[in-house]
N, C-alpha and C. Protein backbone atom coordinates (compact mmCIF):
# COMPACT_ATOMS: atom_id res chain seq x y z
N UNK A 1 -10.92 -16.00 -4.63
CA UNK A 1 -9.66 -15.45 -4.02
C UNK A 1 -9.50 -14.03 -4.24
N UNK A 2 -8.72 -13.24 -3.36
CA UNK A 2 -8.46 -11.89 -3.47
C UNK A 2 -7.21 -11.58 -3.90
N UNK A 3 -7.09 -10.67 -4.82
CA UNK A 3 -5.69 -10.14 -5.21
C UNK A 3 -5.45 -8.60 -4.90
N UNK A 4 -4.34 -8.41 -4.34
CA UNK A 4 -3.91 -6.89 -4.27
C UNK A 4 -3.09 -6.64 -5.30
N UNK A 5 -3.37 -5.46 -5.95
CA UNK A 5 -2.72 -4.95 -7.27
C UNK A 5 -2.22 -3.61 -6.95
N UNK A 6 -0.79 -3.37 -6.95
CA UNK A 6 -0.22 -1.95 -6.75
C UNK A 6 -0.02 -1.28 -8.03
N UNK A 7 -0.13 -0.15 -8.18
CA UNK A 7 0.40 0.61 -9.39
C UNK A 7 0.70 2.19 -8.93
N UNK A 8 1.40 2.82 -9.92
CA UNK A 8 1.75 4.31 -9.61
C UNK A 8 3.14 4.40 -9.46
N UNK A 9 3.81 3.31 -9.32
CA UNK A 9 5.41 3.52 -9.17
C UNK A 9 6.03 4.04 -10.43
N UNK A 10 7.34 4.51 -10.36
CA UNK A 10 8.02 4.95 -11.51
C UNK A 10 9.13 5.66 -11.01
N UNK A 11 9.84 6.49 -12.10
CA UNK A 11 11.14 7.26 -11.82
C UNK A 11 10.70 8.62 -11.62
N UNK A 12 11.13 9.31 -10.55
CA UNK A 12 10.86 10.57 -10.28
C UNK A 12 12.19 11.31 -9.65
N UNK A 13 12.32 12.58 -9.88
CA UNK A 13 13.51 13.31 -9.45
C UNK A 13 13.38 13.76 -7.98
N UNK A 14 14.36 13.90 -7.21
CA UNK A 14 14.22 14.18 -5.93
C UNK A 14 13.43 15.57 -5.76
N UNK A 15 12.54 15.56 -4.66
CA UNK A 15 11.56 16.58 -4.43
C UNK A 15 10.22 16.34 -5.09
N UNK A 16 10.23 15.40 -6.03
CA UNK A 16 9.06 15.21 -6.66
C UNK A 16 7.97 14.42 -5.87
N UNK A 17 6.83 14.07 -6.62
CA UNK A 17 5.74 13.42 -6.07
C UNK A 17 5.18 12.17 -6.81
N UNK A 18 4.67 11.19 -6.13
CA UNK A 18 4.20 10.01 -6.63
C UNK A 18 2.91 9.70 -5.90
N UNK A 19 1.79 9.05 -6.54
CA UNK A 19 0.78 8.42 -5.74
C UNK A 19 0.72 6.88 -6.08
N UNK A 20 0.78 6.07 -5.04
CA UNK A 20 0.70 4.62 -5.20
C UNK A 20 -0.67 4.23 -4.94
N UNK A 21 -1.27 3.20 -5.71
CA UNK A 21 -2.44 2.80 -5.47
C UNK A 21 -2.50 1.20 -5.25
N UNK A 22 -3.18 0.81 -4.21
CA UNK A 22 -3.36 -0.62 -3.91
C UNK A 22 -4.97 -1.04 -4.13
N UNK A 23 -5.28 -1.69 -4.95
CA UNK A 23 -6.64 -2.13 -5.17
C UNK A 23 -6.82 -3.60 -4.88
N UNK A 24 -7.81 -3.94 -4.15
CA UNK A 24 -8.27 -5.24 -3.81
C UNK A 24 -9.18 -5.83 -4.78
N UNK A 25 -9.01 -6.76 -5.49
CA UNK A 25 -10.00 -7.38 -6.42
C UNK A 25 -10.78 -8.30 -5.70
N UNK A 26 -12.16 -8.63 -6.31
CA UNK A 26 -12.94 -9.74 -5.66
C UNK A 26 -14.11 -9.03 -4.97
N UNK A 27 -14.93 -9.97 -4.51
CA UNK A 27 -16.14 -9.40 -3.96
C UNK A 27 -15.80 -9.16 -2.54
N UNK A 28 -15.22 -8.18 -2.08
CA UNK A 28 -14.75 -7.77 -0.70
C UNK A 28 -16.01 -7.31 0.04
N UNK A 29 -15.95 -8.08 1.40
CA UNK A 29 -16.88 -7.52 2.32
C UNK A 29 -16.34 -6.52 3.40
N UNK A 30 -15.13 -6.86 3.91
CA UNK A 30 -14.45 -6.04 4.74
C UNK A 30 -12.92 -6.21 4.70
N UNK A 31 -12.36 -4.97 4.97
CA UNK A 31 -10.91 -4.87 5.12
C UNK A 31 -10.38 -4.43 6.41
N UNK A 32 -9.47 -4.83 7.20
CA UNK A 32 -9.12 -4.40 8.36
C UNK A 32 -7.95 -3.38 8.21
N UNK A 33 -6.79 -3.77 8.48
CA UNK A 33 -5.57 -2.74 8.36
C UNK A 33 -5.00 -3.02 7.03
N UNK A 34 -4.59 -1.93 6.38
CA UNK A 34 -3.94 -2.08 5.24
C UNK A 34 -2.48 -1.25 5.41
N UNK A 35 -1.44 -1.86 4.91
CA UNK A 35 -0.30 -1.37 5.19
C UNK A 35 0.62 -1.18 3.80
N UNK A 36 1.47 -0.15 3.76
CA UNK A 36 2.37 -0.03 2.73
C UNK A 36 3.79 -0.15 3.37
N UNK A 37 4.57 -1.28 2.68
CA UNK A 37 5.94 -1.58 3.14
C UNK A 37 6.84 -1.40 1.99
N UNK A 38 8.20 -1.23 2.21
CA UNK A 38 9.07 -1.15 1.15
C UNK A 38 10.25 -1.87 1.42
N UNK A 39 10.81 -2.24 0.35
CA UNK A 39 12.28 -2.97 0.49
C UNK A 39 13.22 -2.33 -0.52
N UNK A 40 14.39 -1.90 -0.05
CA UNK A 40 15.41 -1.45 -0.98
C UNK A 40 16.30 -2.58 -1.13
N UNK A 41 17.20 -2.49 -2.05
CA UNK A 41 18.15 -3.49 -2.60
C UNK A 41 19.18 -3.79 -1.28
N UNK A 42 19.33 -4.96 -0.83
CA UNK A 42 20.14 -5.36 0.25
C UNK A 42 19.67 -4.94 1.66
N UNK A 43 18.26 -4.47 1.71
CA UNK A 43 17.74 -4.18 3.08
C UNK A 43 16.67 -4.99 3.31
N UNK A 44 16.20 -5.01 4.67
CA UNK A 44 14.97 -5.58 4.99
C UNK A 44 13.87 -4.90 4.62
N UNK A 45 12.69 -5.50 4.45
CA UNK A 45 11.41 -4.86 4.14
C UNK A 45 11.05 -4.12 5.40
N UNK A 46 10.46 -2.88 5.33
CA UNK A 46 10.18 -1.97 6.40
C UNK A 46 8.66 -1.50 6.20
N UNK A 47 8.14 -1.12 7.27
CA UNK A 47 6.88 -0.59 7.33
C UNK A 47 6.95 1.04 6.94
N UNK A 48 6.09 1.54 6.00
CA UNK A 48 6.02 2.74 5.62
C UNK A 48 4.80 3.38 6.36
N UNK A 49 3.66 2.90 6.18
CA UNK A 49 2.46 3.56 6.69
C UNK A 49 1.28 2.33 6.81
N UNK A 50 0.31 2.57 7.65
CA UNK A 50 -0.68 1.73 7.84
C UNK A 50 -2.14 2.65 8.06
N UNK A 51 -3.16 2.01 7.61
CA UNK A 51 -4.40 2.68 7.93
C UNK A 51 -5.36 1.56 8.39
N UNK A 52 -6.16 1.94 9.38
CA UNK A 52 -7.11 0.98 9.82
C UNK A 52 -8.49 1.75 9.80
N UNK A 53 -9.47 0.96 9.37
CA UNK A 53 -10.73 1.71 9.30
C UNK A 53 -10.55 2.89 8.17
N UNK A 54 -11.17 4.01 8.43
CA UNK A 54 -10.91 5.18 7.40
C UNK A 54 -10.02 6.15 7.76
N UNK A 55 -9.67 6.13 9.17
CA UNK A 55 -9.02 7.29 9.65
C UNK A 55 -7.83 7.10 10.52
N UNK A 56 -7.59 5.92 11.11
CA UNK A 56 -6.56 5.76 12.07
C UNK A 56 -5.17 5.40 11.23
N UNK A 57 -4.29 6.18 11.18
CA UNK A 57 -3.10 6.12 10.44
C UNK A 57 -1.89 5.96 11.24
N UNK A 58 -0.92 5.43 10.68
CA UNK A 58 0.56 5.33 11.46
C UNK A 58 1.47 5.35 10.32
N UNK A 59 2.67 6.13 10.70
CA UNK A 59 3.70 6.32 9.74
C UNK A 59 5.09 6.04 10.28
N UNK A 60 5.93 5.55 9.47
CA UNK A 60 7.39 5.51 9.79
C UNK A 60 7.82 6.90 10.14
N UNK A 61 8.81 7.04 10.99
CA UNK A 61 9.40 8.34 11.31
C UNK A 61 10.06 8.86 10.02
N UNK A 62 10.64 8.17 9.23
CA UNK A 62 11.33 8.59 8.01
C UNK A 62 10.52 9.18 7.00
N UNK A 63 9.03 8.99 6.95
CA UNK A 63 8.24 9.54 6.07
C UNK A 63 7.16 10.53 6.69
N UNK A 64 7.23 10.77 7.92
CA UNK A 64 6.14 11.54 8.49
C UNK A 64 6.31 13.00 7.91
N UNK A 65 5.02 13.60 7.63
CA UNK A 65 5.16 14.85 7.09
C UNK A 65 5.45 14.85 5.63
N UNK A 66 5.70 13.83 4.95
CA UNK A 66 6.00 13.72 3.55
C UNK A 66 4.99 12.79 2.90
N UNK A 67 4.57 11.70 3.58
CA UNK A 67 3.74 10.73 2.86
C UNK A 67 2.50 10.77 3.58
N UNK A 68 1.38 10.43 2.77
CA UNK A 68 -0.05 10.44 3.48
C UNK A 68 -0.62 9.07 2.81
N UNK A 69 -1.26 8.39 3.72
CA UNK A 69 -2.01 7.10 3.35
C UNK A 69 -3.54 7.44 3.49
N UNK A 70 -4.47 7.05 2.59
CA UNK A 70 -5.82 7.20 2.56
C UNK A 70 -6.33 6.03 2.01
N UNK A 71 -7.77 6.10 2.15
CA UNK A 71 -8.45 4.74 1.73
C UNK A 71 -9.86 5.18 1.11
N UNK A 72 -10.25 4.51 0.05
CA UNK A 72 -11.58 4.65 -0.69
C UNK A 72 -12.21 3.27 -0.44
N UNK A 73 -12.99 3.23 0.49
CA UNK A 73 -13.75 2.06 0.85
C UNK A 73 -14.61 1.58 -0.32
N UNK A 74 -15.28 2.61 -1.07
CA UNK A 74 -16.19 2.04 -2.16
C UNK A 74 -15.45 1.42 -3.18
N UNK A 75 -14.11 1.85 -3.38
CA UNK A 75 -13.40 1.18 -4.59
C UNK A 75 -12.33 0.09 -3.99
N UNK A 76 -12.50 -0.15 -2.59
CA UNK A 76 -11.55 -1.07 -2.08
C UNK A 76 -10.12 -0.84 -2.53
N UNK A 77 -9.71 0.49 -2.25
CA UNK A 77 -8.57 0.90 -2.86
C UNK A 77 -7.76 1.86 -1.66
N UNK A 78 -6.42 1.54 -1.53
CA UNK A 78 -5.65 2.44 -0.45
C UNK A 78 -4.61 3.16 -1.45
N UNK A 79 -4.51 4.53 -1.05
CA UNK A 79 -3.45 5.16 -1.76
C UNK A 79 -2.25 5.71 -0.72
N UNK A 80 -1.06 5.76 -1.43
CA UNK A 80 0.13 6.39 -0.71
C UNK A 80 0.43 7.46 -1.40
N UNK A 81 0.24 8.71 -0.95
CA UNK A 81 0.65 10.03 -1.62
C UNK A 81 2.11 10.34 -1.00
N UNK A 82 3.06 10.40 -2.04
CA UNK A 82 4.49 10.60 -1.52
C UNK A 82 4.91 11.89 -2.13
N UNK A 83 5.19 12.76 -1.28
CA UNK A 83 5.79 13.96 -1.58
C UNK A 83 7.16 14.27 -1.12
N UNK A 84 7.91 15.16 -1.60
CA UNK A 84 9.08 15.57 -1.25
C UNK A 84 10.08 14.32 -1.30
N UNK A 85 9.98 13.53 -2.40
CA UNK A 85 10.80 12.34 -2.40
C UNK A 85 12.15 12.47 -2.36
N UNK A 86 12.83 11.64 -1.63
CA UNK A 86 14.32 11.57 -1.49
C UNK A 86 15.06 10.33 -2.17
N UNK A 87 16.28 10.28 -2.63
CA UNK A 87 16.82 9.08 -3.16
C UNK A 87 16.68 7.88 -2.18
N UNK A 88 16.76 8.15 -0.94
CA UNK A 88 16.64 7.01 0.08
C UNK A 88 15.15 6.39 0.06
N UNK A 89 14.30 7.04 -0.53
CA UNK A 89 12.84 6.46 -0.61
C UNK A 89 12.83 5.56 -1.76
N UNK A 90 13.84 5.36 -2.50
CA UNK A 90 14.02 4.28 -3.70
C UNK A 90 13.79 2.85 -3.11
N UNK A 91 12.84 2.22 -3.51
CA UNK A 91 12.54 0.72 -3.04
C UNK A 91 11.32 0.14 -4.03
N UNK A 92 11.23 -1.06 -3.64
CA UNK A 92 9.80 -1.71 -4.20
C UNK A 92 8.89 -1.57 -3.15
N UNK A 93 7.75 -0.88 -3.44
CA UNK A 93 6.75 -0.80 -2.51
C UNK A 93 5.64 -1.86 -2.50
N UNK A 94 5.34 -2.42 -1.43
CA UNK A 94 4.43 -3.41 -1.24
C UNK A 94 3.10 -2.99 -0.59
N UNK A 95 1.93 -3.55 -0.93
CA UNK A 95 0.77 -3.41 -0.19
C UNK A 95 0.52 -4.70 0.61
N UNK A 96 -0.04 -4.51 1.98
CA UNK A 96 -0.30 -5.72 2.66
C UNK A 96 -1.73 -5.49 3.39
N UNK A 97 -2.39 -6.53 3.68
CA UNK A 97 -3.67 -6.57 4.28
C UNK A 97 -3.46 -7.62 5.28
N UNK A 98 -3.87 -7.20 6.56
CA UNK A 98 -3.79 -8.10 7.59
C UNK A 98 -4.85 -9.21 7.71
N UNK A 99 -6.14 -8.75 7.43
CA UNK A 99 -7.27 -9.60 7.45
C UNK A 99 -8.36 -8.85 6.63
N UNK A 100 -8.82 -9.78 5.77
CA UNK A 100 -10.05 -9.23 5.00
C UNK A 100 -11.12 -10.35 4.90
N UNK A 101 -12.35 -10.05 4.55
CA UNK A 101 -13.32 -11.10 4.29
C UNK A 101 -13.84 -10.69 2.99
N UNK A 102 -14.44 -11.79 2.24
CA UNK A 102 -14.85 -11.71 0.82
C UNK A 102 -15.85 -12.86 0.58
N UNK A 103 -16.71 -12.62 -0.31
CA UNK A 103 -17.75 -13.63 -0.77
C UNK A 103 -17.06 -14.51 -1.95
N UNK A 104 -17.41 -15.76 -1.91
CA UNK A 104 -16.74 -16.67 -2.98
C UNK A 104 -17.87 -16.58 -3.94
N UNK A 105 -17.57 -17.27 -5.20
CA UNK A 105 -18.54 -17.40 -6.31
C UNK A 105 -19.78 -18.07 -5.75
N UNK A 106 -19.82 -18.81 -4.75
CA UNK A 106 -20.93 -19.53 -4.19
C UNK A 106 -21.71 -18.86 -2.97
N UNK A 107 -21.20 -17.57 -2.92
CA UNK A 107 -21.79 -16.69 -1.72
C UNK A 107 -21.35 -17.22 -0.33
N UNK A 108 -20.25 -17.86 -0.30
CA UNK A 108 -19.66 -18.20 1.08
C UNK A 108 -18.82 -16.73 1.53
N UNK A 109 -18.84 -16.67 2.71
CA UNK A 109 -18.11 -15.58 3.35
C UNK A 109 -16.79 -16.29 3.97
N UNK A 110 -15.65 -15.82 3.34
CA UNK A 110 -14.35 -16.38 3.62
C UNK A 110 -13.36 -15.36 4.13
N UNK A 111 -12.46 -15.83 5.07
CA UNK A 111 -11.44 -14.92 5.63
C UNK A 111 -10.18 -15.07 4.98
N UNK A 112 -9.37 -14.12 4.72
CA UNK A 112 -8.11 -14.21 4.19
C UNK A 112 -7.22 -13.40 5.16
N UNK A 113 -6.00 -13.91 5.41
CA UNK A 113 -5.08 -13.21 6.19
C UNK A 113 -3.74 -13.08 5.54
N UNK A 114 -3.11 -12.04 6.10
CA UNK A 114 -1.67 -11.62 5.46
C UNK A 114 -1.49 -11.77 4.01
N UNK A 115 -2.18 -10.97 3.27
CA UNK A 115 -2.29 -10.85 1.82
C UNK A 115 -1.12 -9.67 1.43
N UNK A 116 -0.44 -9.97 0.37
CA UNK A 116 0.73 -9.12 -0.12
C UNK A 116 0.44 -8.91 -1.56
N UNK A 117 0.61 -7.63 -2.06
CA UNK A 117 0.69 -7.46 -3.62
C UNK A 117 1.89 -7.84 -4.03
N UNK A 118 2.23 -7.63 -5.42
CA UNK A 118 3.34 -7.98 -6.17
C UNK A 118 4.38 -6.92 -5.95
N UNK A 119 4.17 -5.74 -5.61
CA UNK A 119 5.13 -4.62 -5.37
C UNK A 119 5.22 -3.76 -6.75
N UNK A 120 5.62 -2.54 -6.44
CA UNK A 120 5.77 -1.62 -7.42
C UNK A 120 7.02 -0.77 -7.27
N UNK A 121 7.78 -0.61 -8.21
CA UNK A 121 9.24 -0.10 -8.00
C UNK A 121 9.13 1.55 -8.16
N UNK A 122 9.52 2.10 -7.07
CA UNK A 122 9.80 3.58 -6.92
C UNK A 122 11.36 3.88 -6.82
N UNK A 123 11.72 4.76 -7.98
CA UNK A 123 13.09 5.17 -7.97
C UNK A 123 13.16 6.68 -8.04
N UNK A 124 13.77 7.20 -7.05
CA UNK A 124 13.98 8.59 -6.92
C UNK A 124 15.60 8.88 -7.32
N UNK A 125 15.66 9.69 -8.37
CA UNK A 125 17.08 9.85 -8.94
C UNK A 125 16.96 11.12 -9.80
N UNK A 126 18.00 11.90 -9.92
CA UNK A 126 18.28 12.91 -10.82
C UNK A 126 18.92 12.29 -12.06
C-alpha cells in the first residue's frame, strides 16, 4: 500500500514563505495528478493547486502568483512553494493523488485511487 506524507507546515508571519512537501512511499510505478488542498476551520476543503505530469499546473485564483507547485519524479515528491503568505492562507494543507500505480511485495502492479495525506498545519500570524 502507498502512503502520502506531508511535511513543511508551521507558523510564519504575514509576507513570509513556506515550502510543503508531499512524499509518496512505496514502490511507485506512476502517479497521475497530484493536488494540494486546504481546509480552514469552519470552511470546506478547497483546491489550492494541481500538477499533472511534470509541467501542467493549475492554481486557485486566490494563490496565483504567490504559490508554485512542482514535482520531483525521481523522489515521488511534490512541493508547494508558498510565498507572500497571508493570514487567510491559514489552514490544514492536504496532499491528494487521483490515481497511481505501484508494485506490491509480490511484484504485482496495483492501482490506487483517491489517496489523501494526513495533512500539515500552516498558520500565518504575527
